[in-house]
PDB file of all heavy atoms in Angstrom:
ATOM      1  N   SER A   1    -113.767 -45.742   5.099  1.00  0.00           N
ATOM      2  CA  SER A   1    -114.847 -46.388   4.368  1.00  0.00           C
ATOM      3  C   SER A   1    -114.824 -47.882   4.633  1.00  0.00           C
ATOM      4  O   SER A   1    -113.799 -48.431   5.038  1.00  0.00           O
ATOM      5  CB  SER A   1    -114.662 -46.122   2.869  1.00  0.00           C
ATOM      6  OG  SER A   1    -115.573 -46.869   2.107  1.00  0.00           O
ATOM      7  N   ARG A   2    -115.939 -48.513   4.402  1.00  0.00           N
ATOM      8  CA  ARG A   2    -115.972 -49.980   4.472  1.00  0.00           C
ATOM      9  C   ARG A   2    -115.098 -50.570   3.376  1.00  0.00           C
ATOM     10  O   ARG A   2    -114.566 -51.655   3.513  1.00  0.00           O
ATOM     11  CB  ARG A   2    -117.405 -50.477   4.306  1.00  0.00           C
ATOM     12  CG  ARG A   2    -118.268 -50.142   5.474  1.00  0.00           C
ATOM     13  CD  ARG A   2    -119.653 -50.693   5.279  1.00  0.00           C
ATOM     14  NE  ARG A   2    -120.541 -50.074   6.257  1.00  0.00           N
ATOM     15  CZ  ARG A   2    -121.814 -49.962   6.133  1.00  0.00           C
ATOM     16  NH1 ARG A   2    -122.412 -50.428   5.065  1.00  0.00           N
ATOM     17  NH2 ARG A   2    -122.530 -49.391   7.070  1.00  0.00           N
ATOM     18  N   VAL A   3    -114.983 -49.828   2.272  1.00  0.00           N
ATOM     19  CA  VAL A   3    -114.120 -50.237   1.170  1.00  0.00           C
ATOM     20  C   VAL A   3    -112.761 -49.583   1.394  1.00  0.00           C
ATOM     21  O   VAL A   3    -112.625 -48.362   1.314  1.00  0.00           O
ATOM     22  CB  VAL A   3    -114.723 -49.798  -0.190  1.00  0.00           C
ATOM     23  CG1 VAL A   3    -113.823 -50.215  -1.337  1.00  0.00           C
ATOM     24  CG2 VAL A   3    -116.136 -50.329  -0.352  1.00  0.00           C
ATOM     25  N   ARG A   4    -111.771 -50.398   1.691  1.00  0.00           N
ATOM     26  CA  ARG A   4    -110.449 -49.896   2.082  1.00  0.00           C
ATOM     27  C   ARG A   4    -109.856 -48.932   1.054  1.00  0.00           C
ATOM     28  O   ARG A   4    -109.202 -47.954   1.412  1.00  0.00           O
ATOM     29  CB  ARG A   4    -109.516 -51.073   2.327  1.00  0.00           C
ATOM     30  CG  ARG A   4    -108.188 -50.649   2.919  1.00  0.00           C
ATOM     31  CD  ARG A   4    -107.387 -51.823   3.364  1.00  0.00           C
ATOM     32  NE  ARG A   4    -108.016 -52.335   4.591  1.00  0.00           N
ATOM     33  CZ  ARG A   4    -107.635 -53.412   5.218  1.00  0.00           C
ATOM     34  NH1 ARG A   4    -106.640 -54.113   4.749  1.00  0.00           N
ATOM     35  NH2 ARG A   4    -108.248 -53.807   6.302  1.00  0.00           N
ATOM     36  N   ASP A   5    -110.098 -49.151  -0.230  1.00  0.00           N
ATOM     37  CA  ASP A   5    -109.546 -48.279  -1.280  1.00  0.00           C
ATOM     38  C   ASP A   5    -110.129 -46.870  -1.235  1.00  0.00           C
ATOM     39  O   ASP A   5    -109.587 -45.957  -1.846  1.00  0.00           O
ATOM     40  CB  ASP A   5    -109.790 -48.882  -2.660  1.00  0.00           C
ATOM     41  CG  ASP A   5    -108.973 -50.146  -2.900  1.00  0.00           C
ATOM     42  OD1 ASP A   5    -108.033 -50.404  -2.120  1.00  0.00           O
ATOM     43  OD2 ASP A   5    -109.278 -50.880  -3.861  1.00  0.00           O
ATOM     44  N   LYS A   6    -111.246 -46.706  -0.558  1.00  0.00           N
ATOM     45  CA  LYS A   6    -111.892 -45.399  -0.470  1.00  0.00           C
ATOM     46  C   LYS A   6    -111.396 -44.580   0.727  1.00  0.00           C
ATOM     47  O   LYS A   6    -111.775 -43.428   0.885  1.00  0.00           O
ATOM     48  CB  LYS A   6    -113.422 -45.547  -0.381  1.00  0.00           C
ATOM     49  CG  LYS A   6    -114.033 -46.264  -1.552  1.00  0.00           C
ATOM     50  CD  LYS A   6    -114.022 -45.421  -2.785  1.00  0.00           C
ATOM     51  CE  LYS A   6    -114.706 -46.156  -3.924  1.00  0.00           C
ATOM     52  NZ  LYS A   6    -114.622 -45.441  -5.162  1.00  0.00           N
ATOM     53  N   ASN A   7    -110.585 -45.181   1.592  1.00  0.00           N
ATOM     54  CA  ASN A   7    -110.031 -44.449   2.738  1.00  0.00           C
ATOM     55  C   ASN A   7    -109.109 -43.346   2.224  1.00  0.00           C
ATOM     56  O   ASN A   7    -108.415 -43.523   1.227  1.00  0.00           O
ATOM     57  CB  ASN A   7    -109.242 -45.382   3.658  1.00  0.00           C
ATOM     58  CG  ASN A   7    -110.126 -46.386   4.368  1.00  0.00           C
ATOM     59  OD1 ASN A   7    -111.343 -46.248   4.385  1.00  0.00           O
ATOM     60  ND2 ASN A   7    -109.515 -47.399   4.937  1.00  0.00           N
ATOM     61  N   ALA A   8    -109.100 -42.217   2.916  1.00  0.00           N
ATOM     62  CA  ALA A   8    -108.243 -41.105   2.491  1.00  0.00           C
ATOM     63  C   ALA A   8    -107.888 -40.232   3.682  1.00  0.00           C
ATOM     64  O   ALA A   8    -108.656 -40.106   4.636  1.00  0.00           O
ATOM     65  CB  ALA A   8    -108.956 -40.274   1.425  1.00  0.00           C
ATOM     66  N   ILE A   9    -106.710 -39.651   3.613  1.00  0.00           N
ATOM     67  CA  ILE A   9    -106.269 -38.663   4.600  1.00  0.00           C
ATOM     68  C   ILE A   9    -105.959 -37.390   3.827  1.00  0.00           C
ATOM     69  O   ILE A   9    -105.213 -37.414   2.842  1.00  0.00           O
ATOM     70  CB  ILE A   9    -105.026 -39.143   5.368  1.00  0.00           C
ATOM     71  CG1 ILE A   9    -105.365 -40.392   6.187  1.00  0.00           C
ATOM     72  CG2 ILE A   9    -104.484 -38.032   6.258  1.00  0.00           C
ATOM     73  CD1 ILE A   9    -104.174 -41.038   6.853  1.00  0.00           C
ATOM     74  N   TYR A  10    -106.550 -36.292   4.257  1.00  0.00           N
ATOM     75  CA  TYR A  10    -106.325 -34.996   3.613  1.00  0.00           C
ATOM     76  C   TYR A  10    -105.476 -34.122   4.529  1.00  0.00           C
ATOM     77  O   TYR A  10    -105.796 -33.950   5.698  1.00  0.00           O
ATOM     78  CB  TYR A  10    -107.654 -34.306   3.306  1.00  0.00           C
ATOM     79  CG  TYR A  10    -108.436 -35.000   2.226  1.00  0.00           C
ATOM     80  CD1 TYR A  10    -109.321 -36.037   2.531  1.00  0.00           C
ATOM     81  CD2 TYR A  10    -108.291 -34.618   0.899  1.00  0.00           C
ATOM     82  CE1 TYR A  10    -110.040 -36.674   1.530  1.00  0.00           C
ATOM     83  CE2 TYR A  10    -109.016 -35.255  -0.107  1.00  0.00           C
ATOM     84  CZ  TYR A  10    -109.883 -36.282   0.220  1.00  0.00           C
ATOM     85  OH  TYR A  10    -110.590 -36.908  -0.764  1.00  0.00           O
ATOM     86  N   ARG A  11    -104.413 -33.585   3.964  1.00  0.00           N
ATOM     87  CA  ARG A  11    -103.492 -32.703   4.690  1.00  0.00           C
ATOM     88  C   ARG A  11    -103.380 -31.370   3.949  1.00  0.00           C
ATOM     89  O   ARG A  11    -103.552 -31.317   2.733  1.00  0.00           O
ATOM     90  CB  ARG A  11    -102.097 -33.324   4.778  1.00  0.00           C
ATOM     91  CG  ARG A  11    -102.042 -34.629   5.519  1.00  0.00           C
ATOM     92  CD  ARG A  11    -100.613 -35.190   5.531  1.00  0.00           C
ATOM     93  NE  ARG A  11    -100.566 -36.443   6.238  1.00  0.00           N
ATOM     94  CZ  ARG A  11    -100.484 -36.555   7.562  1.00  0.00           C
ATOM     95  NH1 ARG A  11    -100.432 -35.478   8.299  1.00  0.00           N
ATOM     96  NH2 ARG A  11    -100.460 -37.730   8.133  1.00  0.00           N
ATOM     97  N   THR A  12    -103.063 -30.339   4.706  1.00  0.00           N
ATOM     98  CA  THR A  12    -102.805 -29.046   4.082  1.00  0.00           C
ATOM     99  C   THR A  12    -101.528 -29.155   3.259  1.00  0.00           C
ATOM    100  O   THR A  12    -100.618 -29.911   3.606  1.00  0.00           O
ATOM    101  CB  THR A  12    -102.693 -27.950   5.144  1.00  0.00           C
ATOM    102  OG1 THR A  12    -101.744 -28.355   6.124  1.00  0.00           O
ATOM    103  CG2 THR A  12    -104.033 -27.683   5.813  1.00  0.00           C
ATOM    104  N   ARG A  13    -101.462 -28.386   2.175  1.00  0.00           N
ATOM    105  CA  ARG A  13    -100.353 -28.548   1.221  1.00  0.00           C
ATOM    106  C   ARG A  13     -99.385 -27.369   1.158  1.00  0.00           C
ATOM    107  O   ARG A  13     -98.306 -27.493   0.607  1.00  0.00           O
ATOM    108  CB  ARG A  13    -100.914 -28.782  -0.184  1.00  0.00           C
ATOM    109  CG  ARG A  13    -101.783 -30.018  -0.269  1.00  0.00           C
ATOM    110  CD  ARG A  13    -102.358 -30.209  -1.639  1.00  0.00           C
ATOM    111  NE  ARG A  13    -103.272 -29.116  -1.963  1.00  0.00           N
ATOM    112  CZ  ARG A  13    -103.733 -28.864  -3.170  1.00  0.00           C
ATOM    113  NH1 ARG A  13    -103.350 -29.600  -4.177  1.00  0.00           N
ATOM    114  NH2 ARG A  13    -104.569 -27.874  -3.381  1.00  0.00           N
ATOM    115  N   ARG A  14     -99.789 -26.227   1.684  1.00  0.00           N
ATOM    116  CA  ARG A  14     -98.960 -25.020   1.572  1.00  0.00           C
ATOM    117  C   ARG A  14     -98.743 -24.383   2.938  1.00  0.00           C
ATOM    118  O   ARG A  14     -99.381 -24.749   3.909  1.00  0.00           O
ATOM    119  CB  ARG A  14     -99.654 -24.013   0.646  1.00  0.00           C
ATOM    120  CG  ARG A  14     -99.729 -24.459  -0.792  1.00  0.00           C
ATOM    121  CD  ARG A  14    -100.406 -23.420  -1.665  1.00  0.00           C
ATOM    122  NE  ARG A  14    -101.861 -23.492  -1.651  1.00  0.00           N
ATOM    123  CZ  ARG A  14    -102.574 -24.409  -2.272  1.00  0.00           C
ATOM    124  NH1 ARG A  14    -101.981 -25.359  -2.953  1.00  0.00           N
ATOM    125  NH2 ARG A  14    -103.874 -24.398  -2.225  1.00  0.00           N
ATOM    126  N   GLU A  15     -97.865 -23.405   2.952  1.00  0.00           N
ATOM    127  CA  GLU A  15     -97.679 -22.627   4.180  1.00  0.00           C
ATOM    128  C   GLU A  15     -98.951 -21.817   4.432  1.00  0.00           C
ATOM    129  O   GLU A  15     -99.553 -21.306   3.494  1.00  0.00           O
ATOM    130  CB  GLU A  15     -96.472 -21.690   4.056  1.00  0.00           C
ATOM    131  CG  GLU A  15     -95.143 -22.413   3.905  1.00  0.00           C
ATOM    132  CD  GLU A  15     -94.844 -23.355   5.062  1.00  0.00           C
ATOM    133  OE1 GLU A  15     -95.115 -23.006   6.228  1.00  0.00           O
ATOM    134  OE2 GLU A  15     -94.339 -24.470   4.797  1.00  0.00           O
ATOM    135  N   ALA A  16     -99.334 -21.718   5.685  1.00  0.00           N
ATOM    136  CA  ALA A  16    -100.549 -20.981   6.051  1.00  0.00           C
ATOM    137  C   ALA A  16    -100.355 -19.491   5.815  1.00  0.00           C
ATOM    138  O   ALA A  16     -99.241 -18.974   5.877  1.00  0.00           O
ATOM    139  CB  ALA A  16    -100.892 -21.241   7.507  1.00  0.00           C
ATOM    140  N   LYS A  17    -101.461 -18.796   5.576  1.00  0.00           N
ATOM    141  CA  LYS A  17    -101.423 -17.332   5.450  1.00  0.00           C
ATOM    142  C   LYS A  17    -101.297 -16.684   6.819  1.00  0.00           C
ATOM    143  O   LYS A  17    -100.624 -15.672   6.973  1.00  0.00           O
ATOM    144  CB  LYS A  17    -102.694 -16.812   4.758  1.00  0.00           C
ATOM    145  CG  LYS A  17    -102.862 -17.276   3.344  1.00  0.00           C
ATOM    146  CD  LYS A  17    -101.874 -16.608   2.447  1.00  0.00           C
ATOM    147  CE  LYS A  17    -102.062 -17.065   1.017  1.00  0.00           C
ATOM    148  NZ  LYS A  17    -100.980 -16.599   0.166  1.00  0.00           N
ATOM    149  N   ASP A  18    -101.998 -17.242   7.828  1.00  0.00           N
ATOM    150  CA  ASP A  18    -101.975 -16.660   9.175  1.00  0.00           C
ATOM    151  C   ASP A  18    -102.444 -17.706  10.184  1.00  0.00           C
ATOM    152  O   ASP A  18    -103.608 -18.083  10.182  1.00  0.00           O
ATOM    153  CB  ASP A  18    -102.885 -15.436   9.232  1.00  0.00           C
ATOM    154  CG  ASP A  18    -102.699 -14.611  10.491  1.00  0.00           C
ATOM    155  OD1 ASP A  18    -102.411 -15.198  11.565  1.00  0.00           O
ATOM    156  OD2 ASP A  18    -102.848 -13.391  10.412  1.00  0.00           O
ATOM    157  N   THR A  19    -101.536 -18.153  11.026  1.00  0.00           N
ATOM    158  CA  THR A  19    -101.885 -19.182  12.025  1.00  0.00           C
ATOM    159  C   THR A  19    -102.247 -18.577  13.375  1.00  0.00           C
ATOM    160  O   THR A  19    -102.560 -19.317  14.310  1.00  0.00           O
ATOM    161  CB  THR A  19    -100.711 -20.160  12.232  1.00  0.00           C
ATOM    162  OG1 THR A  19     -99.576 -19.427  12.705  1.00  0.00           O
ATOM    163  CG2 THR A  19    -100.379 -20.900  10.955  1.00  0.00           C
ATOM    164  N   GLN A  20    -102.223 -17.264  13.496  1.00  0.00           N
ATOM    165  CA  GLN A  20    -102.448 -16.627  14.793  1.00  0.00           C
ATOM    166  C   GLN A  20    -103.707 -15.768  14.867  1.00  0.00           C
ATOM    167  O   GLN A  20    -104.183 -15.481  15.966  1.00  0.00           O
ATOM    168  CB  GLN A  20    -101.241 -15.748  15.168  1.00  0.00           C
ATOM    169  CG  GLN A  20     -99.943 -16.524  15.281  1.00  0.00           C
ATOM    170  CD  GLN A  20    -100.007 -17.617  16.329  1.00  0.00           C
ATOM    171  OE1 GLN A  20    -100.434 -17.385  17.451  1.00  0.00           O
ATOM    172  NE2 GLN A  20     -99.596 -18.822  15.958  1.00  0.00           N
ATOM    173  N   ILE A  21    -104.229 -15.342  13.749  1.00  0.00           N
ATOM    174  CA  ILE A  21    -105.375 -14.437  13.774  1.00  0.00           C
ATOM    175  C   ILE A  21    -106.552 -15.082  14.515  1.00  0.00           C
ATOM    176  O   ILE A  21    -106.884 -16.237  14.259  1.00  0.00           O
ATOM    177  CB  ILE A  21    -105.786 -14.002  12.346  1.00  0.00           C
ATOM    178  CG1 ILE A  21    -106.792 -12.850  12.399  1.00  0.00           C
ATOM    179  CG2 ILE A  21    -106.309 -15.173  11.537  1.00  0.00           C
ATOM    180  CD1 ILE A  21    -106.981 -12.158  11.058  1.00  0.00           C
ATOM    181  N   PRO A  22    -107.168 -14.373  15.464  1.00  0.00           N
ATOM    182  CA  PRO A  22    -108.362 -14.921  16.122  1.00  0.00           C
ATOM    183  C   PRO A  22    -109.458 -15.176  15.089  1.00  0.00           C
ATOM    184  O   PRO A  22    -109.715 -14.350  14.211  1.00  0.00           O
ATOM    185  CB  PRO A  22    -108.764 -13.820  17.105  1.00  0.00           C
ATOM    186  CG  PRO A  22    -107.493 -13.067  17.360  1.00  0.00           C
ATOM    187  CD  PRO A  22    -106.754 -13.103  16.049  1.00  0.00           C
ATOM    188  N   LEU A  23    -110.102 -16.341  15.211  1.00  0.00           N
ATOM    189  CA  LEU A  23    -111.021 -16.805  14.185  1.00  0.00           C
ATOM    190  C   LEU A  23    -112.291 -17.341  14.828  1.00  0.00           C
ATOM    191  O   LEU A  23    -112.243 -18.143  15.756  1.00  0.00           O
ATOM    192  CB  LEU A  23    -110.344 -17.917  13.381  1.00  0.00           C
ATOM    193  CG  LEU A  23    -111.120 -18.631  12.296  1.00  0.00           C
ATOM    194  CD1 LEU A  23    -111.540 -17.666  11.185  1.00  0.00           C
ATOM    195  CD2 LEU A  23    -110.265 -19.759  11.720  1.00  0.00           C
ATOM    196  N   VAL A  24    -113.450 -16.880  14.321  1.00  0.00           N
ATOM    197  CA  VAL A  24    -114.750 -17.413  14.710  1.00  0.00           C
ATOM    198  C   VAL A  24    -115.414 -17.930  13.437  1.00  0.00           C
ATOM    199  O   VAL A  24    -115.476 -17.216  12.434  1.00  0.00           O
ATOM    200  CB  VAL A  24    -115.642 -16.334  15.374  1.00  0.00           C
ATOM    201  CG1 VAL A  24    -117.043 -16.876  15.608  1.00  0.00           C
ATOM    202  CG2 VAL A  24    -115.027 -15.850  16.667  1.00  0.00           C
ATOM    203  N   VAL A  25    -115.896 -19.179  13.481  1.00  0.00           N
ATOM    204  CA  VAL A  25    -116.608 -19.769  12.351  1.00  0.00           C
ATOM    205  C   VAL A  25    -118.080 -19.857  12.732  1.00  0.00           C
ATOM    206  O   VAL A  25    -118.429 -20.482  13.737  1.00  0.00           O
ATOM    207  CB  VAL A  25    -116.055 -21.168  12.002  1.00  0.00           C
ATOM    208  CG1 VAL A  25    -116.809 -21.748  10.809  1.00  0.00           C
ATOM    209  CG2 VAL A  25    -114.562 -21.106  11.703  1.00  0.00           C
ATOM    210  N   LEU A  26    -118.939 -19.223  11.939  1.00  0.00           N
ATOM    211  CA  LEU A  26    -120.379 -19.261  12.174  1.00  0.00           C
ATOM    212  C   LEU A  26    -121.000 -20.404  11.379  1.00  0.00           C
ATOM    213  O   LEU A  26    -120.738 -20.549  10.182  1.00  0.00           O
ATOM    214  CB  LEU A  26    -121.036 -17.946  11.751  1.00  0.00           C
ATOM    215  CG  LEU A  26    -120.551 -16.673  12.425  1.00  0.00           C
ATOM    216  CD1 LEU A  26    -121.300 -15.465  11.856  1.00  0.00           C
ATOM    217  CD2 LEU A  26    -120.714 -16.752  13.920  1.00  0.00           C
ATOM    218  N   VAL A  27    -121.827 -21.228  12.053  1.00  0.00           N
ATOM    219  CA  VAL A  27    -122.528 -22.334  11.407  1.00  0.00           C
ATOM    220  C   VAL A  27    -123.984 -22.329  11.841  1.00  0.00           C
ATOM    221  O   VAL A  27    -124.348 -21.686  12.828  1.00  0.00           O
ATOM    222  CB  VAL A  27    -121.883 -23.701  11.738  1.00  0.00           C
ATOM    223  CG1 VAL A  27    -120.474 -23.799  11.183  1.00  0.00           C
ATOM    224  CG2 VAL A  27    -121.884 -23.960  13.229  1.00  0.00           C
ATOM    225  N   ASP A  28    -124.814 -23.052  11.094  1.00  0.00           N
ATOM    226  CA  ASP A  28    -126.210 -23.263  11.489  1.00  0.00           C
ATOM    227  C   ASP A  28    -126.642 -24.649  11.037  1.00  0.00           C
ATOM    228  O   ASP A  28    -125.805 -25.437  10.573  1.00  0.00           O
ATOM    229  CB  ASP A  28    -127.125 -22.156  10.938  1.00  0.00           C
ATOM    230  CG  ASP A  28    -127.221 -22.131   9.426  1.00  0.00           C
ATOM    231  OD1 ASP A  28    -126.725 -23.069   8.750  1.00  0.00           O
ATOM    232  OD2 ASP A  28    -127.798 -21.173   8.887  1.00  0.00           O
ATOM    233  N   LYS A  29    -127.916 -24.941  11.147  1.00  0.00           N
ATOM    234  CA  LYS A  29    -128.407 -26.280  10.810  1.00  0.00           C
ATOM    235  C   LYS A  29    -128.250 -26.610   9.329  1.00  0.00           C
ATOM    236  O   LYS A  29    -128.329 -27.763   8.931  1.00  0.00           O
ATOM    237  CB  LYS A  29    -129.868 -26.434  11.235  1.00  0.00           C
ATOM    238  CG  LYS A  29    -130.832 -25.573  10.461  1.00  0.00           C
ATOM    239  CD  LYS A  29    -132.250 -25.752  10.932  1.00  0.00           C
ATOM    240  CE  LYS A  29    -133.191 -24.867  10.131  1.00  0.00           C
ATOM    241  NZ  LYS A  29    -134.564 -25.048  10.539  1.00  0.00           N
ATOM    242  N   ASN A  30    -128.015 -25.615   8.494  1.00  0.00           N
ATOM    243  CA  ASN A  30    -127.835 -25.827   7.062  1.00  0.00           C
ATOM    244  C   ASN A  30    -126.372 -25.865   6.633  1.00  0.00           C
ATOM    245  O   ASN A  30    -126.080 -25.953   5.448  1.00  0.00           O
ATOM    246  CB  ASN A  30    -128.591 -24.757   6.275  1.00  0.00           C
ATOM    247  CG  ASN A  30    -130.076 -24.833   6.521  1.00  0.00           C
ATOM    248  OD1 ASN A  30    -130.669 -25.906   6.484  1.00  0.00           O
ATOM    249  ND2 ASN A  30    -130.697 -23.701   6.809  1.00  0.00           N
ATOM    250  N   SER A  31    -125.460 -25.778   7.589  1.00  0.00           N
ATOM    251  CA  SER A  31    -124.033 -25.910   7.292  1.00  0.00           C
ATOM    252  C   SER A  31    -123.720 -27.402   7.258  1.00  0.00           C
ATOM    253  O   SER A  31    -123.858 -28.087   8.267  1.00  0.00           O
ATOM    254  CB  SER A  31    -123.190 -25.234   8.374  1.00  0.00           C
ATOM    255  OG  SER A  31    -123.532 -23.884   8.522  1.00  0.00           O
ATOM    256  N   ALA A  32    -123.317 -27.905   6.101  1.00  0.00           N
ATOM    257  CA  ALA A  32    -123.145 -29.356   5.962  1.00  0.00           C
ATOM    258  C   ALA A  32    -121.885 -29.679   5.173  1.00  0.00           C
ATOM    259  O   ALA A  32    -121.260 -28.802   4.585  1.00  0.00           O
ATOM    260  CB  ALA A  32    -124.369 -29.946   5.265  1.00  0.00           C
ATOM    261  N   SER A  33    -121.539 -30.964   5.188  1.00  0.00           N
ATOM    262  CA  SER A  33    -120.498 -31.512   4.341  1.00  0.00           C
ATOM    263  C   SER A  33    -119.164 -30.785   4.538  1.00  0.00           C
ATOM    264  O   SER A  33    -118.567 -30.864   5.605  1.00  0.00           O
ATOM    265  CB  SER A  33    -120.975 -31.470   2.889  1.00  0.00           C
ATOM    266  OG  SER A  33    -120.042 -32.000   2.004  1.00  0.00           O
ATOM    267  N   ALA A  34    -118.686 -30.088   3.518  1.00  0.00           N
ATOM    268  CA  ALA A  34    -117.399 -29.396   3.609  1.00  0.00           C
ATOM    269  C   ALA A  34    -117.407 -28.320   4.695  1.00  0.00           C
ATOM    270  O   ALA A  34    -116.375 -28.052   5.314  1.00  0.00           O
ATOM    271  CB  ALA A  34    -117.034 -28.784   2.257  1.00  0.00           C
ATOM    272  N   SER A  35    -118.564 -27.726   4.971  1.00  0.00           N
ATOM    273  CA  SER A  35    -118.670 -26.750   6.072  1.00  0.00           C
ATOM    274  C   SER A  35    -118.376 -27.425   7.404  1.00  0.00           C
ATOM    275  O   SER A  35    -117.742 -26.842   8.280  1.00  0.00           O
ATOM    276  CB  SER A  35    -120.072 -26.138   6.125  1.00  0.00           C
ATOM    277  OG  SER A  35    -120.331 -25.365   4.998  1.00  0.00           O
ATOM    278  N   GLU A  36    -118.847 -28.659   7.548  1.00  0.00           N
ATOM    279  CA  GLU A  36    -118.595 -29.408   8.773  1.00  0.00           C
ATOM    280  C   GLU A  36    -117.127 -29.799   8.887  1.00  0.00           C
ATOM    281  O   GLU A  36    -116.560 -29.809   9.976  1.00  0.00           O
ATOM    282  CB  GLU A  36    -119.475 -30.661   8.818  1.00  0.00           C
ATOM    283  CG  GLU A  36    -120.956 -30.324   8.926  1.00  0.00           C
ATOM    284  CD  GLU A  36    -121.842 -31.525   8.719  1.00  0.00           C
ATOM    285  OE1 GLU A  36    -121.718 -32.204   7.673  1.00  0.00           O
ATOM    286  OE2 GLU A  36    -122.666 -31.790   9.618  1.00  0.00           O
ATOM    287  N   ILE A  37    -116.505 -30.095   7.759  1.00  0.00           N
ATOM    288  CA  ILE A  37    -115.080 -30.420   7.767  1.00  0.00           C
ATOM    289  C   ILE A  37    -114.277 -29.213   8.221  1.00  0.00           C
ATOM    290  O   ILE A  37    -113.405 -29.314   9.088  1.00  0.00           O
ATOM    291  CB  ILE A  37    -114.622 -30.911   6.376  1.00  0.00           C
ATOM    292  CG1 ILE A  37    -115.230 -32.289   6.091  1.00  0.00           C
ATOM    293  CG2 ILE A  37    -113.102 -30.940   6.274  1.00  0.00           C
ATOM    294  CD1 ILE A  37    -115.068 -32.757   4.661  1.00  0.00           C
ATOM    295  N   VAL A  38    -114.566 -28.047   7.655  1.00  0.00           N
ATOM    296  CA  VAL A  38    -113.833 -26.833   8.018  1.00  0.00           C
ATOM    297  C   VAL A  38    -114.066 -26.479   9.481  1.00  0.00           C
ATOM    298  O   VAL A  38    -113.111 -26.289  10.241  1.00  0.00           O
ATOM    299  CB  VAL A  38    -114.209 -25.647   7.101  1.00  0.00           C
ATOM    300  CG1 VAL A  38    -113.661 -24.334   7.645  1.00  0.00           C
ATOM    301  CG2 VAL A  38    -113.682 -25.896   5.692  1.00  0.00           C
ATOM    302  N   SER A  39    -115.310 -26.407   9.897  1.00  0.00           N
ATOM    303  CA  SER A  39    -115.588 -26.017  11.287  1.00  0.00           C
ATOM    304  C   SER A  39    -115.055 -27.059  12.263  1.00  0.00           C
ATOM    305  O   SER A  39    -114.502 -26.717  13.315  1.00  0.00           O
ATOM    306  CB  SER A  39    -117.084 -25.770  11.500  1.00  0.00           C
ATOM    307  OG  SER A  39    -117.844 -26.908  11.166  1.00  0.00           O
ATOM    308  N   GLY A  40    -115.172 -28.334  11.917  1.00  0.00           N
ATOM    309  CA  GLY A  40    -114.659 -29.391  12.789  1.00  0.00           C
ATOM    310  C   GLY A  40    -113.154 -29.343  12.943  1.00  0.00           C
ATOM    311  O   GLY A  40    -112.618 -29.497  14.042  1.00  0.00           O
TER     312      GLY A  40
END
């Protein structure tokens, strides 16, 4: 952010359920915000 206090880093907090399963994420023009974070 332009405001330094608003900067943040988000990390996973727990052990993953499955780091190997093949995964496809479906998105479209209406996938926004948190959907973009997950797919990205």
